[in-house]
């Protein structure tokens, strides 16, 4: 009986939290269709989540709105941890941001930011 309980506990532990992020590859054209907001922006500031389950918040200065009705400043919510498809933004970096959501609830993740053959864009000079 103890072996059965130990085996059940081991299976539960092995199937739990330790999952990895997995993304379906998409082209630029597919991203244009799928995302609610796309813009080139400069990272103004970012705040870390207060809890492990919380979202980081990053404010961007919009340099070029490609898709969506965007103001000059856009706030994006996102995870920062890899297994949750998190993404981190460095202050001052300029990049193309792919986001989903509506109004003031825009979000992104490493899957949304990835385009076939690329990860996050390199900072522009």
Protein backbone atom coordinates (compact mmCIF):
# COMPACT_ATOMS: atom_id res chain seq x y z
CA UNK A 1 0.00 0.00 0.00
CA UNK A 2 2.84 2.42 0.84
CA UNK A 3 4.43 1.70 -2.53
CA UNK A 4 1.18 2.51 -4.29
CA UNK A 5 0.88 5.84 -2.43
CA UNK A 6 4.53 6.66 -3.15
CA UNK A 7 4.06 5.84 -6.83
CA UNK A 8 0.90 7.98 -7.04
CA UNK A 9 2.70 10.89 -5.34
CA UNK A 10 5.64 10.58 -7.74
CA UNK A 11 3.33 10.62 -10.77
CA UNK A 12 1.48 13.69 -9.53
CA UNK A 13 4.76 15.50 -8.84
CA UNK A 14 6.17 14.58 -12.25
CA UNK A 15 3.09 15.77 -14.14
CA UNK A 16 2.64 19.04 -12.26
CA UNK A 17 4.17 22.46 -12.56
CA UNK A 18 7.31 21.71 -14.57
CA UNK A 19 5.88 22.24 -18.02
CA UNK A 20 7.72 24.12 -20.73
CA UNK A 21 6.50 26.82 -23.05
CA UNK A 22 5.57 25.51 -26.49
CA UNK A 23 4.72 27.79 -29.42
CA UNK A 24 3.23 27.19 -32.86
CA UNK A 25 5.37 28.89 -35.51
CA UNK A 26 3.67 31.75 -37.36
CA UNK A 27 4.74 33.95 -40.25
CA UNK A 28 4.51 37.75 -40.25
CA UNK A 29 1.27 37.51 -42.27
CA UNK A 30 -0.25 35.11 -39.72
CA UNK A 31 0.81 37.42 -36.88
CA UNK A 32 -0.82 40.39 -38.60
CA UNK A 33 -4.08 38.46 -38.71
CA UNK A 34 -3.89 36.95 -35.20
CA UNK A 35 -2.71 39.87 -33.06
CA UNK A 36 -4.92 42.73 -31.89
CA UNK A 37 -2.10 45.27 -31.64
CA UNK A 38 1.28 45.49 -33.36
CA UNK A 39 3.62 48.43 -32.94
CA UNK A 40 7.23 49.49 -32.89
CA UNK A 41 7.94 50.85 -29.45
CA UNK A 42 10.63 51.83 -26.96
CA UNK A 43 10.52 50.33 -23.48
CA UNK A 44 9.96 53.14 -20.97
CA UNK A 45 9.82 51.09 -17.79
CA UNK A 46 8.86 47.67 -16.53
CA UNK A 47 7.68 46.43 -13.16
CA UNK A 48 8.20 42.92 -11.86
CA UNK A 49 5.23 40.88 -10.69
CA UNK A 50 4.50 41.02 -6.97
CA UNK A 51 3.85 37.27 -6.82
CA UNK A 52 5.02 34.28 -8.86
CA UNK A 53 1.59 34.07 -10.50
CA UNK A 54 1.41 37.81 -11.18
CA UNK A 55 2.11 39.62 -14.43
CA UNK A 56 4.88 42.10 -15.13
CA UNK A 57 3.76 45.43 -16.54
CA UNK A 58 5.78 47.23 -19.21
CA UNK A 59 5.07 50.69 -20.60
CA UNK A 60 6.09 51.42 -24.20
CA UNK A 61 6.41 54.69 -26.07
CA UNK A 62 4.77 53.92 -29.43
CA UNK A 63 7.02 54.96 -32.32
CA UNK A 64 4.97 53.41 -35.13
CA UNK A 65 1.49 51.85 -34.79
CA UNK A 66 1.17 49.00 -37.28
CA UNK A 67 -2.16 47.53 -36.13
CA UNK A 68 -4.71 48.65 -33.57
CA UNK A 69 -5.98 51.95 -32.20
CA UNK A 70 -3.04 52.84 -29.96
CA UNK A 71 -2.10 55.94 -28.01
CA UNK A 72 1.43 57.26 -27.62
CA UNK A 73 1.93 55.16 -24.47
CA UNK A 74 0.87 51.49 -24.36
CA UNK A 75 0.94 49.25 -21.29
CA UNK A 76 1.50 45.53 -21.83
CA UNK A 77 1.01 42.78 -19.21
CA UNK A 78 3.20 39.69 -19.50
CA UNK A 79 4.79 36.81 -17.64
CA UNK A 80 8.56 36.88 -17.21
CA UNK A 81 9.19 33.20 -16.49
CA UNK A 82 10.18 30.81 -19.29
CA UNK A 83 7.79 27.94 -18.50
CA UNK A 84 4.89 30.44 -18.65
CA UNK A 85 6.08 31.66 -22.07
CA UNK A 86 7.40 34.76 -20.35
CA UNK A 87 9.28 37.59 -21.96
CA UNK A 88 11.48 40.32 -20.48
CA UNK A 89 11.98 43.82 -21.85
CA UNK A 90 15.01 46.00 -21.16
CA UNK A 91 14.49 49.74 -20.62
CA UNK A 92 15.37 51.78 -23.70
CA UNK A 93 15.08 48.84 -26.13
CA UNK A 94 13.20 49.46 -29.38
CA UNK A 95 11.37 46.50 -30.90
CA UNK A 96 8.23 45.38 -32.65
CA UNK A 97 5.62 44.29 -30.11
CA UNK A 98 2.89 41.79 -30.97
CA UNK A 99 0.04 41.91 -28.45
CA UNK A 100 -3.44 40.52 -27.97
CA UNK A 101 -6.39 41.77 -25.93
CA UNK A 102 -8.63 44.79 -25.98
CA UNK A 103 -8.40 48.38 -24.82
CA UNK A 104 -6.22 48.73 -21.73
CA UNK A 105 -5.82 44.95 -21.32
CA UNK A 106 -3.09 44.21 -23.85
CA UNK A 107 -0.88 41.19 -23.19
CA UNK A 108 2.02 39.42 -24.83
CA UNK A 109 4.23 36.39 -24.35
CA UNK A 110 7.22 34.77 -26.02
CA UNK A 111 4.95 32.93 -28.46
CA UNK A 112 3.27 36.14 -29.59
CA UNK A 113 6.66 37.84 -29.94
CA UNK A 114 8.15 34.99 -31.99
CA UNK A 115 7.93 34.97 -35.78
CA UNK A 116 9.14 32.02 -37.86
CA UNK A 117 12.93 32.01 -37.84
CA UNK A 118 13.20 34.71 -35.17
CA UNK A 119 12.92 35.33 -31.46
CA UNK A 120 12.68 38.81 -30.02
CA UNK A 121 14.06 41.39 -32.40
CA UNK A 122 17.49 42.76 -31.76
CA UNK A 123 17.51 46.30 -30.36
CA UNK A 124 17.68 48.97 -33.06
CA UNK A 125 20.54 51.45 -33.09
